[in-house]
Amino acid sequence: MSTAQETSNKATIWRIHDAIKGGAERISQTIDEIVEPGVLFHAPVPTGATGAQALKQVWPVLLRAFPDLHVTVEDLIEEGDKVVCRNTVTGTHQGEYMGLPPTGKSVTYNEIFICRFVNGRIAEIWGVVDVFSQLKQLGMIPA
């Protein structure tokens, strides 16, 4: 049975996905609106930042490397105070990424995020991103 808060939490996840289309600045603004500043972020982050700042720093790196980045939501499942999002990510490597100059290669990889909500805001995130597949497609890891 879905409660009004769960439906609202699911809508919050859609807000971040919609913001991706608007670029890094829109993503950053949306993070400020829907994510607790001290969010606990359990996922690989390419910077030493924590909390919402870590989330904000991920997007410019990704969008510089993959300007045509597209995230397709495959599943969006809600249960209690958590929303699980399974995504397929695609993009073309057109900018520096993890020290690798642009290759022009297209990548497709999967990710799963679990977000825990407190009072309608994301308070904790667990993320599993198939970075191995991403790096293999870019030629950084032998096939």
Protein backbone atom coordinates (compact mmCIF):
# COMPACT_ATOMS: atom_id res chain seq x y z
CA MET A 1 0.00 0.00 0.00
CA SER A 2 1.44 3.38 -1.02
CA THR A 3 1.23 6.35 1.31
CA ALA A 4 1.19 9.99 0.22
CA GLN A 5 4.75 10.42 1.58
CA GLU A 6 6.04 7.41 -0.40
CA THR A 7 4.48 8.80 -3.58
CA SER A 8 6.10 12.14 -2.81
CA ASN A 9 9.48 10.41 -2.24
CA LYS A 10 9.21 8.70 -5.62
CA ALA A 11 8.39 12.06 -7.23
CA THR A 12 11.51 13.51 -5.57
CA ILE A 13 13.67 10.91 -7.35
CA TRP A 14 12.06 11.90 -10.66
CA ARG A 15 13.01 15.54 -9.92
CA ILE A 16 16.72 14.70 -9.87
CA HIS A 17 16.41 12.71 -13.08
CA ASP A 18 14.61 15.63 -14.75
CA ALA A 19 17.35 17.99 -13.52
CA ILE A 20 20.02 15.96 -15.34
CA LYS A 21 18.66 17.30 -18.63
CA GLY A 22 19.26 20.85 -17.38
CA GLY A 23 22.98 20.48 -16.73
CA ALA A 24 25.26 20.72 -13.70
CA GLU A 25 23.87 24.00 -12.33
CA ARG A 26 20.27 22.76 -12.37
CA ILE A 27 21.37 19.48 -10.78
CA SER A 28 23.17 21.40 -8.02
CA GLN A 29 20.08 23.55 -7.34
CA THR A 30 17.86 20.45 -7.21
CA ILE A 31 20.28 18.73 -4.81
CA ASP A 32 19.99 21.78 -2.52
CA GLU A 33 16.20 21.46 -2.60
CA ILE A 34 15.80 17.70 -2.06
CA VAL A 35 18.95 16.39 -0.32
CA GLU A 36 19.93 16.91 3.31
CA PRO A 37 23.23 18.88 3.42
CA GLY A 38 24.78 16.15 5.61
CA VAL A 39 23.43 13.25 3.53
CA LEU A 40 25.29 10.01 4.16
CA PHE A 41 26.55 8.99 0.71
CA HIS A 42 27.73 5.38 0.44
CA ALA A 43 29.12 5.22 -3.11
CA PRO A 44 32.42 5.78 -4.86
CA VAL A 45 33.05 9.53 -5.21
CA PRO A 46 35.98 10.88 -7.25
CA THR A 47 36.61 13.67 -4.72
CA GLY A 48 37.24 13.84 -0.99
CA ALA A 49 33.96 15.70 -0.44
CA THR A 50 31.15 14.39 1.75
CA GLY A 51 27.43 14.99 2.08
CA ALA A 52 25.49 16.92 -0.54
CA GLN A 53 28.75 18.54 -1.68
CA ALA A 54 30.01 15.12 -2.82
CA LEU A 55 26.89 14.66 -4.93
CA LYS A 56 27.27 18.13 -6.43
CA GLN A 57 30.89 17.42 -7.43
CA VAL A 58 30.09 14.15 -9.22
CA TRP A 59 27.86 15.71 -11.86
CA PRO A 60 30.25 18.28 -13.42
CA VAL A 61 32.87 15.50 -13.79
CA LEU A 62 30.38 13.20 -15.51
CA LEU A 63 28.85 15.89 -17.73
CA ARG A 64 32.27 17.21 -18.81
CA ALA A 65 33.33 13.67 -19.78
CA PHE A 66 29.95 12.63 -21.24
CA PRO A 67 28.09 15.79 -22.37
CA ASP A 68 25.32 13.65 -23.91
CA LEU A 69 24.89 11.62 -20.69
CA HIS A 70 21.47 10.02 -20.48
CA VAL A 71 20.05 8.16 -17.49
CA THR A 72 17.13 5.82 -18.16
CA VAL A 73 15.15 4.75 -15.10
CA GLU A 74 14.49 1.03 -15.51
CA ASP A 75 12.87 0.44 -12.11
CA LEU A 76 11.70 2.80 -9.37
CA ILE A 77 10.57 0.88 -6.30
CA GLU A 78 9.41 2.36 -3.02
CA GLU A 79 9.10 0.66 0.34
CA GLY A 80 8.64 2.53 3.60
CA ASP A 81 11.16 5.37 3.83
CA LYS A 82 13.30 4.08 0.93
CA VAL A 83 13.19 4.39 -2.86
CA VAL A 84 15.29 2.10 -5.05
CA CYS A 85 16.22 3.28 -8.52
CA ARG A 86 17.82 0.97 -11.14
CA ASN A 87 19.21 2.92 -14.08
CA THR A 88 20.92 2.40 -17.41
CA VAL A 89 23.41 5.17 -18.20
CA THR A 90 24.62 5.97 -21.71
CA GLY A 91 27.00 8.60 -23.01
CA THR A 92 29.79 9.40 -25.42
CA HIS A 93 33.26 10.03 -23.98
CA GLN A 94 33.96 13.56 -25.26
CA GLY A 95 35.94 15.04 -22.36
CA GLU A 96 38.66 14.03 -19.87
CA TYR A 97 37.53 11.33 -17.46
CA MET A 98 39.61 9.86 -14.64
CA GLY A 99 42.78 10.98 -16.43
CA LEU A 100 41.73 9.53 -19.79
CA PRO A 101 41.56 11.99 -22.70
CA PRO A 102 38.39 11.85 -24.85
CA THR A 103 38.08 8.63 -26.86
CA GLY A 104 34.80 9.29 -28.66
CA LYS A 105 33.62 5.86 -27.45
CA SER A 106 30.04 5.27 -26.39
CA VAL A 107 29.41 3.66 -23.02
CA THR A 108 26.42 1.92 -21.49
CA TYR A 109 26.47 0.84 -17.86
CA ASN A 110 24.10 0.10 -15.01
CA GLU A 111 23.68 1.58 -11.56
CA ILE A 112 21.41 1.07 -8.57
CA PHE A 113 20.74 3.64 -5.88
CA ILE A 114 18.80 3.24 -2.66
CA CYS A 115 17.69 6.52 -1.10
CA ARG A 116 16.40 6.83 2.46
CA PHE A 117 14.11 9.77 3.10
CA VAL A 118 13.54 11.83 6.24
CA ASN A 119 10.78 14.46 6.11
CA GLY A 120 10.63 14.36 2.31
CA ARG A 121 14.39 14.88 1.81
CA ILE A 122 17.09 12.37 0.91
CA ALA A 123 19.08 11.66 4.09
CA GLU A 124 21.11 8.61 3.01
CA ILE A 125 22.15 7.08 -0.31
CA TRP A 126 23.68 3.71 -1.12
CA GLY A 127 24.97 3.42 -4.68
CA VAL A 128 26.35 0.60 -6.81
CA VAL A 129 27.70 1.78 -10.16
CA ASP A 130 29.20 -0.63 -12.71
CA VAL A 131 32.41 1.37 -13.04
CA PHE A 132 34.27 -1.77 -14.20
CA SER A 133 32.05 -2.04 -17.29
CA GLN A 134 32.37 1.70 -17.92
CA LEU A 135 36.18 1.58 -17.76
CA LYS A 136 36.33 -1.57 -19.90
CA GLN A 137 34.26 0.12 -22.62
CA LEU A 138 36.59 3.13 -22.54
CA GLY A 139 39.61 0.84 -22.95
CA MET A 140 41.05 1.64 -19.50
CA ILE A 141 40.74 -2.04 -18.52
CA PRO A 142 41.56 -4.79 -21.04
CA ALA A 143 38.48 -6.53 -22.45
